[in-house]
Structures are given as structure tokens and as C-alpha cells.
Amino acid sequence: MRIAKVIGNIWATRKEERLAGLKLLIVRPLDVCSGSCDRAPVVAADLIGAGVGETVIVVSGSSARSAVGDMSIPVDATVVGIVDDLELAGDGGGR
């Protein structure tokens, strides 16, 4: 799992039919120790109704397909939670 910031939405009028009904978001992975968003954004299926500006939990690979409920759906990332608060140990989480 990764923590990411939702930075946009995607609308696709034509897409693979197994993606029908899935909301697609653009998320940028966060470095939770520094709070920076310095990695490339990715497209993630949204199962929970997250919005732009929210911090979310994202799973990828087979976990993303499993979260959607169908291992044949062509998704690489899925938003599975909205972060309300985040607390790190004083030493940066032991790193």
C-alpha cells in the first residue's frame, strides 16, 4: 500500500468495457516522511468516492484488481481508503 494525494480526475468516453462504472483518478504518491509529491502521478480506480486534494491509500498490482472484485479487470492501482490523519514516529518511522 502507498499513500498518495488525489490531483485530478479522468473522464474517458471510450474505454475497455470492464472499466465501465469505475471512477478514475490521477494520484501522486507521497513521501510520508517529507510530505513531498516528487514521484510520477498514476491513474487509479476509485472505489470509495475520493476527491481532488484528499490524501488516500492506494494498492497496486494484483491487490488493485482484487479490491475491485474481479482479477480480470485491467487496473494497476486502486484507491481503497481516505486518510483522515497520519502520525509518524519522531525519528521518521525508523528510517
Protein backbone atom coordinates (compact mmCIF):
# COMPACT_ATOMS: atom_id res chain seq x y z
CA MET A 1 0.00 0.00 0.00
CA ARG A 2 1.05 3.55 -0.65
CA ILE A 3 -0.10 6.97 0.47
CA ALA A 4 -0.96 9.38 -2.34
CA LYS A 5 -2.60 12.74 -3.00
CA VAL A 6 -5.51 12.97 -5.45
CA ILE A 7 -4.55 15.61 -8.01
CA GLY A 8 -7.22 15.13 -10.69
CA ASN A 9 -9.98 13.17 -12.37
CA ILE A 10 -10.05 11.36 -15.69
CA TRP A 11 -13.07 11.11 -17.94
CA ALA A 12 -12.90 8.60 -20.78
CA THR A 13 -15.88 8.24 -23.06
CA ARG A 14 -14.27 5.24 -24.75
CA LYS A 15 -12.53 2.68 -22.60
CA GLU A 16 -12.17 -1.05 -22.09
CA GLU A 17 -15.66 -2.32 -21.28
CA ARG A 18 -14.58 -3.92 -17.98
CA LEU A 19 -13.73 -0.41 -16.74
CA ALA A 20 -17.33 0.74 -17.19
CA GLY A 21 -18.68 2.21 -13.98
CA LEU A 22 -15.27 2.79 -12.41
CA LYS A 23 -14.32 6.36 -11.47
CA LEU A 24 -10.71 7.10 -12.45
CA LEU A 25 -8.46 9.47 -10.50
CA ILE A 26 -4.97 10.84 -11.01
CA VAL A 27 -2.96 10.30 -7.83
CA ARG A 28 0.59 11.31 -6.96
CA PRO A 29 2.45 9.07 -4.48
CA LEU A 30 3.63 10.87 -1.34
CA ASP A 31 6.85 10.53 0.59
CA VAL A 32 5.19 10.45 4.01
CA CYS A 33 8.39 11.39 5.84
CA SER A 34 8.88 14.64 3.94
CA GLY A 35 5.31 15.21 2.72
CA SER A 36 6.59 15.80 -0.81
CA CYS A 37 4.96 14.58 -4.02
CA ASP A 38 8.04 14.01 -6.14
CA ARG A 39 7.06 10.79 -7.91
CA ALA A 40 5.21 10.49 -11.21
CA PRO A 41 1.40 10.51 -10.98
CA VAL A 42 -0.60 7.36 -11.77
CA VAL A 43 -4.19 6.60 -12.72
CA ALA A 44 -6.14 4.72 -10.05
CA ALA A 45 -9.63 3.27 -9.96
CA ASP A 46 -11.63 4.84 -7.11
CA LEU A 47 -13.88 2.56 -5.07
CA ILE A 48 -14.70 4.94 -2.23
CA GLY A 49 -15.54 8.35 -3.69
CA ALA A 50 -12.30 10.23 -3.01
CA GLY A 51 -11.94 13.77 -4.32
CA VAL A 52 -9.22 16.11 -5.53
CA GLY A 53 -6.96 17.25 -2.71
CA GLU A 54 -7.59 14.26 -0.46
CA THR A 55 -4.85 12.00 0.83
CA VAL A 56 -5.64 8.38 0.03
CA ILE A 57 -4.41 4.81 0.43
CA VAL A 58 -3.63 3.13 -2.89
CA VAL A 59 -2.95 -0.54 -3.61
CA SER A 60 -1.35 -1.78 -6.81
CA GLY A 61 -0.87 -4.90 -8.90
CA SER A 62 -2.97 -7.94 -8.07
CA SER A 63 -4.18 -6.24 -4.87
CA ALA A 64 -5.70 -3.48 -7.03
CA ARG A 65 -7.60 -5.99 -9.14
CA SER A 66 -8.70 -7.94 -6.08
CA ALA A 67 -10.00 -4.75 -4.44
CA VAL A 68 -12.16 -4.07 -7.50
CA GLY A 69 -13.54 -7.59 -7.14
CA ASP A 70 -12.50 -9.07 -10.47
CA MET A 71 -8.98 -10.27 -11.21
CA SER A 72 -9.59 -9.79 -14.95
CA ILE A 73 -10.21 -6.02 -14.72
CA PRO A 74 -7.25 -4.13 -16.24
CA VAL A 75 -6.29 -1.84 -13.34
CA ASP A 76 -2.82 -1.29 -11.89
CA ALA A 77 -3.85 0.91 -8.94
CA THR A 78 -6.99 1.24 -6.80
CA VAL A 79 -7.89 3.79 -4.11
CA VAL A 80 -9.09 1.83 -1.08
CA GLY A 81 -9.12 4.42 1.71
CA ILE A 82 -9.15 8.12 2.58
CA VAL A 83 -6.58 9.19 5.16
CA ASP A 84 -8.08 11.28 7.97
CA ASP A 85 -4.86 11.70 9.91
CA LEU A 86 -1.28 10.47 9.76
CA GLU A 87 1.16 10.16 12.65
CA LEU A 88 4.83 9.24 12.30
CA ALA A 89 7.34 8.33 14.98
CA GLY A 90 9.68 11.20 15.89
CA ASP A 91 12.61 9.60 14.06
CA GLY A 92 10.81 9.43 10.70
CA GLY A 93 9.34 5.99 11.23
CA GLY A 94 12.61 4.24 12.00
CA ARG A 95 14.32 5.07 8.72
